[in-house]
Amino acid sequence: MTMNISFNYVFLAELVDNTYGRTDYYMSLTGIVVVGFIAAVSIGSIAWYNSKRPAGWEGKERPDIVPNVEKSKNPGL
């Protein structure tokens, strides 16, 4: 157990030491994750609002911000 704790400490210390001065990399990585999450939520919301409504949502109005997507006669072909 003691070896595991010391190994973790050494590993974390080395990780911090190696990443010093590389904040631009982590900031860009964080930015990509945030932009990807926002894009996924936006695309998922548009798809959900344009799909068949689940039980209890049949009579609800579409929000103005969500575009209306016309359905194809031959989806998937």
N, C-alpha and C. Protein backbone atom coordinates (compact mmCIF):
# COMPACT_ATOMS: atom_id res chain seq x y z
N MET A 1 0.83 -1.19 0.00
CA MET A 1 0.00 0.00 0.00
C MET A 1 0.87 1.25 0.00
N THR A 2 1.95 1.23 0.77
CA THR A 2 2.84 2.38 0.85
C THR A 2 3.51 2.64 -0.50
N MET A 3 3.88 1.56 -1.17
CA MET A 3 4.51 1.71 -2.48
C MET A 3 3.54 2.33 -3.47
N ASN A 4 2.28 1.94 -3.39
CA ASN A 4 1.27 2.47 -4.29
C ASN A 4 1.08 3.97 -4.06
N ILE A 5 1.04 4.40 -2.81
CA ILE A 5 0.88 5.82 -2.49
C ILE A 5 2.08 6.61 -2.97
N SER A 6 3.28 6.09 -2.73
CA SER A 6 4.47 6.81 -3.18
C SER A 6 4.55 6.84 -4.69
N PHE A 7 4.15 5.76 -5.35
CA PHE A 7 4.14 5.74 -6.81
C PHE A 7 3.16 6.78 -7.36
N ASN A 8 1.98 6.86 -6.75
CA ASN A 8 1.00 7.85 -7.19
C ASN A 8 1.53 9.27 -7.00
N TYR A 9 2.19 9.52 -5.89
CA TYR A 9 2.74 10.85 -5.64
C TYR A 9 3.81 11.19 -6.67
N VAL A 10 4.70 10.24 -6.93
CA VAL A 10 5.77 10.47 -7.91
C VAL A 10 5.17 10.66 -9.30
N PHE A 11 4.19 9.85 -9.64
CA PHE A 11 3.54 9.96 -10.94
C PHE A 11 2.86 11.31 -11.11
N LEU A 12 2.13 11.75 -10.09
CA LEU A 12 1.45 13.04 -10.17
C LEU A 12 2.45 14.19 -10.21
N ALA A 13 3.53 14.08 -9.43
CA ALA A 13 4.55 15.13 -9.43
C ALA A 13 5.20 15.22 -10.80
N GLU A 14 5.48 14.09 -11.41
CA GLU A 14 6.08 14.09 -12.75
C GLU A 14 5.10 14.63 -13.78
N LEU A 15 3.84 14.29 -13.64
CA LEU A 15 2.83 14.79 -14.56
C LEU A 15 2.72 16.30 -14.48
N VAL A 16 2.70 16.84 -13.28
CA VAL A 16 2.63 18.29 -13.10
C VAL A 16 3.90 18.94 -13.63
N ASP A 17 5.04 18.32 -13.37
CA ASP A 17 6.31 18.88 -13.83
C ASP A 17 6.39 18.89 -15.36
N ASN A 18 5.88 17.85 -16.00
CA ASN A 18 5.93 17.78 -17.47
C ASN A 18 4.93 18.70 -18.13
N THR A 19 3.86 19.05 -17.46
CA THR A 19 2.84 19.89 -18.08
C THR A 19 3.03 21.36 -17.78
N TYR A 20 4.06 21.71 -17.03
CA TYR A 20 4.29 23.10 -16.71
C TYR A 20 4.60 23.88 -17.98
N GLY A 21 3.89 24.97 -18.18
CA GLY A 21 4.11 25.79 -19.36
C GLY A 21 3.32 25.34 -20.57
N ARG A 22 2.47 24.34 -20.42
CA ARG A 22 1.68 23.85 -21.55
C ARG A 22 0.20 24.16 -21.34
N THR A 23 -0.09 25.28 -20.72
CA THR A 23 -1.49 25.62 -20.46
C THR A 23 -2.24 25.90 -21.74
N ASP A 24 -1.54 26.34 -22.80
CA ASP A 24 -2.22 26.60 -24.07
C ASP A 24 -2.81 25.32 -24.64
N TYR A 25 -2.12 24.21 -24.46
CA TYR A 25 -2.62 22.92 -24.93
C TYR A 25 -3.89 22.53 -24.18
N TYR A 26 -3.88 22.67 -22.87
CA TYR A 26 -5.03 22.28 -22.08
C TYR A 26 -6.19 23.25 -22.25
N MET A 27 -5.90 24.51 -22.47
CA MET A 27 -6.97 25.48 -22.73
C MET A 27 -7.64 25.18 -24.06
N SER A 28 -6.86 24.84 -25.08
CA SER A 28 -7.45 24.52 -26.38
C SER A 28 -8.23 23.21 -26.31
N LEU A 29 -7.72 22.24 -25.57
CA LEU A 29 -8.43 20.98 -25.40
C LEU A 29 -9.75 21.20 -24.67
N THR A 30 -9.73 22.02 -23.63
CA THR A 30 -10.96 22.34 -22.90
C THR A 30 -11.94 23.08 -23.80
N GLY A 31 -11.44 23.99 -24.61
CA GLY A 31 -12.30 24.72 -25.55
C GLY A 31 -12.96 23.80 -26.55
N ILE A 32 -12.21 22.83 -27.07
CA ILE A 32 -12.77 21.87 -28.02
C ILE A 32 -13.86 21.04 -27.36
N VAL A 33 -13.65 20.62 -26.14
CA VAL A 33 -14.65 19.83 -25.42
C VAL A 33 -15.91 20.65 -25.18
N VAL A 34 -15.76 21.90 -24.78
CA VAL A 34 -16.92 22.76 -24.52
C VAL A 34 -17.69 23.02 -25.80
N VAL A 35 -16.99 23.36 -26.88
CA VAL A 35 -17.66 23.61 -28.16
C VAL A 35 -18.35 22.34 -28.67
N GLY A 36 -17.71 21.20 -28.51
CA GLY A 36 -18.32 19.93 -28.91
C GLY A 36 -19.57 19.61 -28.12
N PHE A 37 -19.54 19.89 -26.82
CA PHE A 37 -20.71 19.64 -25.99
C PHE A 37 -21.87 20.54 -26.40
N ILE A 38 -21.58 21.82 -26.64
CA ILE A 38 -22.62 22.76 -27.05
C ILE A 38 -23.19 22.34 -28.40
N ALA A 39 -22.33 21.92 -29.33
CA ALA A 39 -22.80 21.46 -30.64
C ALA A 39 -23.67 20.21 -30.51
N ALA A 40 -23.27 19.28 -29.67
CA ALA A 40 -24.04 18.05 -29.48
C ALA A 40 -25.41 18.34 -28.89
N VAL A 41 -25.47 19.23 -27.91
CA VAL A 41 -26.75 19.59 -27.30
C VAL A 41 -27.64 20.31 -28.31
N SER A 42 -27.07 21.20 -29.11
CA SER A 42 -27.85 21.94 -30.11
C SER A 42 -28.40 21.01 -31.17
N ILE A 43 -27.55 20.15 -31.73
CA ILE A 43 -27.99 19.22 -32.77
C ILE A 43 -29.00 18.23 -32.20
N GLY A 44 -28.76 17.76 -31.00
CA GLY A 44 -29.71 16.84 -30.37
C GLY A 44 -31.05 17.48 -30.09
N SER A 45 -31.06 18.75 -29.70
CA SER A 45 -32.32 19.45 -29.46
C SER A 45 -33.11 19.63 -30.75
N ILE A 46 -32.41 20.01 -31.82
CA ILE A 46 -33.08 20.16 -33.11
C ILE A 46 -33.66 18.82 -33.56
N ALA A 47 -32.91 17.75 -33.43
CA ALA A 47 -33.39 16.43 -33.83
C ALA A 47 -34.57 15.99 -32.97
N TRP A 48 -34.51 16.26 -31.67
CA TRP A 48 -35.59 15.84 -30.78
C TRP A 48 -36.88 16.60 -31.08
N TYR A 49 -36.76 17.91 -31.29
CA TYR A 49 -37.96 18.70 -31.56
C TYR A 49 -38.56 18.38 -32.92
N ASN A 50 -37.77 17.89 -33.87
CA ASN A 50 -38.29 17.55 -35.18
C ASN A 50 -38.68 16.09 -35.31
N SER A 51 -38.52 15.31 -34.26
CA SER A 51 -38.91 13.91 -34.30
C SER A 51 -40.35 13.77 -33.80
N LYS A 52 -40.83 12.54 -33.81
CA LYS A 52 -42.16 12.28 -33.28
C LYS A 52 -42.15 12.60 -31.79
N ARG A 53 -43.17 13.27 -31.35
CA ARG A 53 -43.23 13.70 -29.95
C ARG A 53 -43.50 12.51 -29.03
N PRO A 54 -42.80 12.47 -27.89
CA PRO A 54 -43.08 11.42 -26.91
C PRO A 54 -44.44 11.64 -26.23
N ALA A 55 -44.90 10.65 -25.52
CA ALA A 55 -46.19 10.74 -24.84
C ALA A 55 -46.22 11.95 -23.92
N GLY A 56 -47.26 12.75 -24.04
CA GLY A 56 -47.41 13.95 -23.23
C GLY A 56 -46.91 15.21 -23.90
N TRP A 57 -46.18 15.08 -25.00
CA TRP A 57 -45.63 16.24 -25.70
C TRP A 57 -46.27 16.45 -27.07
N GLU A 58 -47.32 15.70 -27.40
CA GLU A 58 -47.90 15.77 -28.74
C GLU A 58 -48.43 17.16 -29.08
N GLY A 59 -49.06 17.83 -28.14
CA GLY A 59 -49.69 19.11 -28.42
C GLY A 59 -48.81 20.32 -28.15
N LYS A 60 -47.57 20.10 -27.77
CA LYS A 60 -46.69 21.21 -27.43
C LYS A 60 -46.17 21.90 -28.69
N GLU A 61 -45.97 23.21 -28.57
CA GLU A 61 -45.46 24.00 -29.70
C GLU A 61 -43.94 23.91 -29.78
N ARG A 62 -43.45 24.02 -31.00
CA ARG A 62 -42.01 24.03 -31.24
C ARG A 62 -41.47 25.40 -30.86
N PRO A 63 -40.35 25.47 -30.14
CA PRO A 63 -39.76 26.78 -29.81
C PRO A 63 -39.36 27.52 -31.09
N ASP A 64 -39.38 28.85 -31.05
CA ASP A 64 -39.06 29.65 -32.23
C ASP A 64 -37.61 29.48 -32.68
N ILE A 65 -36.73 29.16 -31.76
CA ILE A 65 -35.31 29.06 -32.09
C ILE A 65 -34.98 27.78 -32.87
N VAL A 66 -35.85 26.76 -32.79
CA VAL A 66 -35.60 25.48 -33.45
C VAL A 66 -36.14 25.53 -34.87
N PRO A 67 -35.29 25.29 -35.89
CA PRO A 67 -35.77 25.33 -37.27
C PRO A 67 -36.65 24.14 -37.60
N ASN A 68 -37.56 24.33 -38.54
CA ASN A 68 -38.42 23.25 -38.98
C ASN A 68 -37.72 22.50 -40.11
N VAL A 69 -37.51 21.21 -39.94
CA VAL A 69 -36.85 20.38 -40.94
C VAL A 69 -37.91 19.57 -41.65
N GLU A 70 -37.97 19.71 -42.97
CA GLU A 70 -38.95 18.97 -43.77
C GLU A 70 -38.56 17.49 -43.83
N LYS A 71 -39.56 16.61 -43.72
CA LYS A 71 -39.29 15.18 -43.77
C LYS A 71 -39.24 14.72 -45.22
N SER A 72 -38.35 13.77 -45.48
CA SER A 72 -38.16 13.22 -46.81
C SER A 72 -39.17 12.11 -47.06
N LYS A 73 -39.58 11.93 -48.33
CA LYS A 73 -40.48 10.83 -48.66
C LYS A 73 -39.77 9.49 -48.58
N ASN A 74 -38.48 9.49 -48.87
CA ASN A 74 -37.68 8.26 -48.84
C ASN A 74 -36.50 8.42 -47.88
N PRO A 75 -36.75 8.39 -46.58
CA PRO A 75 -35.63 8.57 -45.65
C PRO A 75 -34.68 7.37 -45.69
N GLY A 76 -33.42 7.68 -45.67
CA GLY A 76 -32.41 6.63 -45.63
C GLY A 76 -32.05 6.04 -46.97
N LEU A 77 -32.67 6.51 -48.04
CA LEU A 77 -32.34 5.96 -49.36
C LEU A 77 -31.46 6.91 -50.13
